[in-house]
């Protein structure tokens, strides 16, 4: 995949790569992963805001935890290190600067 970025972003990516933070693709992949995590956190915040989060020491938590455990675990399992690229169907993409 070839993408175009604004000049200031290309400079940032090149500076990070030149500073030893990995290749340009590594820098971009980390940025995209951060954005994915940020959106997931935003979604979680909306979920938490719409529901009562019981006190961990309360009986309500004892009831809440089993009902919500499957969703919590599935959210955490989306990017486990043990999942190979062939299992997820992911491929490595190429970046060329503008």
N, C-alpha and C. Protein backbone atom coordinates (compact mmCIF):
# COMPACT_ATOMS: atom_id res chain seq x y z
N UNK A 1 0.86 -1.16 0.00
CA UNK A 1 0.00 0.00 0.00
C UNK A 1 0.91 1.23 0.00
N UNK A 2 0.67 2.09 -0.90
CA UNK A 2 1.38 3.36 -0.93
C UNK A 2 0.42 4.42 -0.44
N UNK A 3 0.88 5.25 0.49
CA UNK A 3 0.03 6.31 1.01
C UNK A 3 0.73 7.65 0.88
N UNK A 4 -0.04 8.70 0.78
CA UNK A 4 0.50 10.05 0.76
C UNK A 4 0.20 10.69 2.10
N UNK A 5 1.18 11.38 2.63
CA UNK A 5 1.00 12.12 3.87
C UNK A 5 1.48 13.54 3.64
N UNK A 6 1.00 14.46 4.46
CA UNK A 6 1.46 15.84 4.38
C UNK A 6 2.97 15.88 4.64
N UNK A 7 3.60 16.90 4.11
CA UNK A 7 5.05 17.02 4.24
C UNK A 7 5.51 16.99 5.69
N UNK A 8 4.78 17.67 6.60
CA UNK A 8 5.20 17.70 8.00
C UNK A 8 5.12 16.31 8.63
N UNK A 9 4.16 15.52 8.20
CA UNK A 9 4.06 14.15 8.73
C UNK A 9 5.19 13.28 8.18
N UNK A 10 5.52 13.47 6.90
CA UNK A 10 6.62 12.71 6.30
C UNK A 10 7.94 13.04 7.01
N UNK A 11 8.13 14.32 7.34
CA UNK A 11 9.33 14.73 8.07
C UNK A 11 9.37 14.06 9.44
N UNK A 12 8.23 14.06 10.14
CA UNK A 12 8.16 13.42 11.45
C UNK A 12 8.52 11.94 11.35
N UNK A 13 7.92 11.24 10.38
CA UNK A 13 8.17 9.80 10.21
C UNK A 13 9.65 9.57 9.90
N UNK A 14 10.20 10.35 9.00
CA UNK A 14 11.62 10.20 8.65
C UNK A 14 12.53 10.48 9.84
N UNK A 15 12.21 11.53 10.62
CA UNK A 15 13.03 11.84 11.80
C UNK A 15 12.97 10.70 12.82
N UNK A 16 11.80 10.14 13.03
CA UNK A 16 11.66 9.04 13.98
C UNK A 16 12.45 7.83 13.49
N UNK A 17 12.36 7.54 12.22
CA UNK A 17 13.10 6.40 11.66
C UNK A 17 14.60 6.64 11.75
N UNK A 18 15.03 7.83 11.44
CA UNK A 18 16.46 8.17 11.50
C UNK A 18 16.99 8.17 12.93
N UNK A 19 16.11 8.39 13.91
CA UNK A 19 16.50 8.40 15.32
C UNK A 19 16.57 6.98 15.88
N UNK A 20 16.33 5.99 15.03
CA UNK A 20 16.45 4.60 15.47
C UNK A 20 15.17 4.01 16.02
N UNK A 21 14.04 4.62 15.73
CA UNK A 21 12.76 4.11 16.24
C UNK A 21 12.16 3.05 15.32
N UNK A 22 12.95 2.52 14.45
CA UNK A 22 12.49 1.50 13.50
C UNK A 22 12.39 2.10 12.11
N UNK A 23 11.89 1.31 11.20
CA UNK A 23 11.72 1.78 9.83
C UNK A 23 10.54 2.75 9.77
N UNK A 24 10.39 3.39 8.62
CA UNK A 24 9.23 4.26 8.45
C UNK A 24 7.94 3.47 8.62
N UNK A 25 7.94 2.25 8.10
CA UNK A 25 6.74 1.41 8.25
C UNK A 25 6.47 1.10 9.72
N UNK A 26 7.53 0.87 10.51
CA UNK A 26 7.36 0.62 11.95
C UNK A 26 6.73 1.82 12.64
N UNK A 27 7.22 3.02 12.30
CA UNK A 27 6.70 4.25 12.91
C UNK A 27 5.22 4.40 12.57
N UNK A 28 4.88 4.18 11.33
CA UNK A 28 3.48 4.32 10.90
C UNK A 28 2.61 3.24 11.52
N UNK A 29 3.10 2.00 11.57
CA UNK A 29 2.33 0.92 12.19
C UNK A 29 2.04 1.22 13.66
N UNK A 30 3.05 1.74 14.38
CA UNK A 30 2.82 2.09 15.79
C UNK A 30 1.77 3.18 15.91
N UNK A 31 1.82 4.16 15.03
CA UNK A 31 0.85 5.26 15.07
C UNK A 31 -0.57 4.73 14.81
N UNK A 32 -0.70 3.85 13.86
CA UNK A 32 -2.02 3.28 13.56
C UNK A 32 -2.50 2.43 14.72
N UNK A 33 -1.62 1.64 15.30
CA UNK A 33 -2.01 0.82 16.46
C UNK A 33 -2.44 1.70 17.63
N UNK A 34 -1.72 2.82 17.84
CA UNK A 34 -2.13 3.76 18.90
C UNK A 34 -3.53 4.30 18.63
N UNK A 35 -3.81 4.61 17.38
CA UNK A 35 -5.13 5.13 17.03
C UNK A 35 -6.21 4.06 17.26
N UNK A 36 -5.90 2.83 16.93
CA UNK A 36 -6.85 1.73 17.18
C UNK A 36 -7.12 1.61 18.67
N UNK A 37 -6.04 1.66 19.49
CA UNK A 37 -6.22 1.58 20.95
C UNK A 37 -6.99 2.78 21.47
N UNK A 38 -6.71 3.98 20.92
CA UNK A 38 -7.41 5.19 21.36
C UNK A 38 -8.90 5.07 21.07
N UNK A 39 -9.24 4.58 19.89
CA UNK A 39 -10.66 4.42 19.55
C UNK A 39 -11.33 3.36 20.43
N UNK A 40 -10.61 2.29 20.72
CA UNK A 40 -11.16 1.26 21.61
C UNK A 40 -11.38 1.84 23.01
N UNK A 41 -10.43 2.65 23.47
CA UNK A 41 -10.58 3.27 24.79
C UNK A 41 -11.75 4.25 24.79
N UNK A 42 -11.91 4.97 23.70
CA UNK A 42 -13.04 5.89 23.59
C UNK A 42 -14.36 5.12 23.63
N UNK A 43 -14.41 4.01 22.90
CA UNK A 43 -15.60 3.15 22.91
C UNK A 43 -15.86 2.62 24.32
N UNK A 44 -14.79 2.17 24.98
CA UNK A 44 -14.94 1.66 26.35
C UNK A 44 -15.45 2.75 27.28
N UNK A 45 -14.93 3.97 27.12
CA UNK A 45 -15.37 5.08 27.97
C UNK A 45 -16.86 5.35 27.78
N UNK A 46 -17.32 5.25 26.53
CA UNK A 46 -18.74 5.43 26.27
C UNK A 46 -19.56 4.32 26.93
N UNK A 47 -19.05 3.10 26.87
CA UNK A 47 -19.75 1.98 27.51
C UNK A 47 -19.79 2.19 29.02
N UNK A 48 -18.66 2.56 29.60
CA UNK A 48 -18.60 2.78 31.05
C UNK A 48 -19.51 3.92 31.47
N UNK A 49 -19.56 4.97 30.64
CA UNK A 49 -20.40 6.12 30.98
C UNK A 49 -21.88 5.77 30.92
N UNK A 50 -22.22 4.78 30.10
CA UNK A 50 -23.63 4.43 29.95
C UNK A 50 -24.07 3.34 30.92
N UNK A 51 -23.15 2.78 31.66
CA UNK A 51 -23.52 1.74 32.61
C UNK A 51 -22.88 2.03 33.96
N UNK A 52 -23.45 1.46 34.96
CA UNK A 52 -22.91 1.63 36.31
C UNK A 52 -21.77 0.64 36.48
N UNK A 53 -20.63 1.14 36.86
CA UNK A 53 -19.48 0.28 37.14
C UNK A 53 -19.48 0.01 38.63
N UNK A 54 -19.80 -1.20 39.03
CA UNK A 54 -19.94 -1.47 40.46
C UNK A 54 -18.61 -1.38 41.20
N UNK A 55 -18.71 -1.07 42.46
CA UNK A 55 -17.56 -1.07 43.35
C UNK A 55 -16.98 -2.48 43.38
N UNK A 56 -15.67 -2.61 43.20
CA UNK A 56 -15.04 -3.93 43.12
C UNK A 56 -15.22 -4.76 44.38
N UNK A 57 -15.48 -4.12 45.51
CA UNK A 57 -15.65 -4.85 46.76
C UNK A 57 -17.11 -5.13 47.08
N UNK A 58 -18.00 -4.85 46.14
CA UNK A 58 -19.42 -4.98 46.43
C UNK A 58 -20.01 -6.29 45.88
N UNK A 59 -21.18 -6.59 46.34
CA UNK A 59 -21.91 -7.74 45.81
C UNK A 59 -22.32 -7.48 44.36
N UNK A 60 -22.55 -6.21 44.01
CA UNK A 60 -22.92 -5.88 42.64
C UNK A 60 -21.81 -6.28 41.66
N UNK A 61 -20.55 -6.10 42.06
CA UNK A 61 -19.44 -6.50 41.19
C UNK A 61 -19.43 -8.01 41.00
N UNK A 62 -19.73 -8.74 42.06
CA UNK A 62 -19.78 -10.20 41.98
C UNK A 62 -20.81 -10.63 40.94
N UNK A 63 -21.88 -9.89 40.81
CA UNK A 63 -22.90 -10.20 39.81
C UNK A 63 -22.51 -9.67 38.43
N UNK A 64 -21.85 -8.50 38.39
CA UNK A 64 -21.50 -7.85 37.13
C UNK A 64 -20.40 -8.61 36.38
N UNK A 65 -19.37 -9.06 37.09
CA UNK A 65 -18.19 -9.64 36.46
C UNK A 65 -18.50 -10.84 35.56
N UNK A 66 -19.24 -11.85 36.03
CA UNK A 66 -19.51 -12.99 35.15
C UNK A 66 -20.34 -12.61 33.92
N UNK A 67 -21.24 -11.66 34.05
CA UNK A 67 -22.08 -11.26 32.92
C UNK A 67 -21.26 -10.54 31.84
N UNK A 68 -20.17 -9.90 32.23
CA UNK A 68 -19.40 -9.08 31.30
C UNK A 68 -18.04 -9.66 30.94
N UNK A 69 -17.67 -10.78 31.52
CA UNK A 69 -16.34 -11.35 31.30
C UNK A 69 -16.08 -11.70 29.85
N UNK A 70 -17.05 -12.29 29.15
CA UNK A 70 -16.83 -12.67 27.76
C UNK A 70 -16.50 -11.47 26.89
N UNK A 71 -17.21 -10.38 27.07
CA UNK A 71 -16.94 -9.17 26.28
C UNK A 71 -15.58 -8.59 26.62
N UNK A 72 -15.24 -8.55 27.89
CA UNK A 72 -13.94 -8.02 28.29
C UNK A 72 -12.82 -8.85 27.68
N UNK A 73 -12.91 -10.16 27.76
CA UNK A 73 -11.86 -11.02 27.21
C UNK A 73 -11.79 -10.92 25.70
N UNK A 74 -12.93 -10.84 25.02
CA UNK A 74 -12.88 -10.75 23.56
C UNK A 74 -12.24 -9.42 23.14
N UNK A 75 -12.47 -8.35 23.90
CA UNK A 75 -11.82 -7.08 23.58
C UNK A 75 -10.31 -7.18 23.76
N UNK A 76 -9.86 -7.91 24.75
CA UNK A 76 -8.43 -8.05 25.01
C UNK A 76 -7.74 -8.99 24.04
N UNK A 77 -8.46 -9.96 23.49
CA UNK A 77 -7.87 -10.99 22.64
C UNK A 77 -7.67 -10.56 21.19
N UNK A 78 -8.06 -9.38 20.79
CA UNK A 78 -8.00 -9.01 19.37
C UNK A 78 -6.60 -8.97 18.82
N UNK A 79 -5.59 -8.83 19.68
CA UNK A 79 -4.23 -8.69 19.17
C UNK A 79 -3.25 -9.47 20.04
N UNK A 80 -3.51 -10.74 20.26
CA UNK A 80 -2.60 -11.52 21.09
C UNK A 80 -1.35 -11.86 20.31
N UNK A 81 -0.18 -11.88 20.97
CA UNK A 81 1.06 -12.18 20.27
C UNK A 81 1.09 -13.59 19.69
N UNK A 82 0.29 -14.50 20.24
CA UNK A 82 0.33 -15.87 19.76
C UNK A 82 -0.42 -16.05 18.45
N UNK A 83 -1.17 -15.05 18.00
CA UNK A 83 -1.91 -15.14 16.75
C UNK A 83 -0.96 -14.82 15.61
N UNK A 84 -0.86 -15.76 14.67
CA UNK A 84 0.04 -15.55 13.55
C UNK A 84 -0.65 -14.77 12.45
N UNK A 85 0.13 -14.22 11.54
CA UNK A 85 -0.43 -13.46 10.42
C UNK A 85 -1.30 -14.34 9.55
N UNK A 86 -0.93 -15.61 9.40
CA UNK A 86 -1.75 -16.49 8.56
C UNK A 86 -3.10 -16.76 9.20
N UNK A 87 -3.17 -16.75 10.54
CA UNK A 87 -4.45 -16.96 11.22
C UNK A 87 -5.34 -15.74 11.09
N UNK A 88 -4.76 -14.54 11.08
CA UNK A 88 -5.55 -13.32 11.04
C UNK A 88 -5.78 -12.83 9.62
N UNK A 89 -5.02 -13.36 8.67
CA UNK A 89 -5.14 -12.92 7.29
C UNK A 89 -4.47 -11.58 7.03
N UNK A 90 -3.65 -11.12 7.98
CA UNK A 90 -3.00 -9.82 7.80
C UNK A 90 -1.79 -9.98 6.89
N UNK A 91 -1.45 -8.88 6.26
CA UNK A 91 -0.28 -8.86 5.39
C UNK A 91 0.54 -7.62 5.71
N UNK A 92 1.78 -7.65 5.34
CA UNK A 92 2.65 -6.51 5.52
C UNK A 92 2.42 -5.55 4.36
N UNK A 93 2.32 -4.27 4.68
CA UNK A 93 2.08 -3.26 3.65
C UNK A 93 3.30 -2.37 3.54
N UNK A 94 3.51 -1.78 2.38
CA UNK A 94 4.67 -0.94 2.10
C UNK A 94 4.27 0.53 2.14
N UNK A 95 5.14 1.37 2.69
CA UNK A 95 4.91 2.82 2.75
C UNK A 95 5.97 3.51 1.92
N UNK A 96 5.55 4.44 1.10
CA UNK A 96 6.50 5.30 0.41
C UNK A 96 6.14 6.73 0.75
N UNK A 97 7.14 7.54 1.07
CA UNK A 97 6.87 8.92 1.47
C UNK A 97 6.53 9.76 0.26
N UNK A 98 5.84 10.85 0.56
CA UNK A 98 5.41 11.76 -0.51
C UNK A 98 6.57 12.58 -1.05
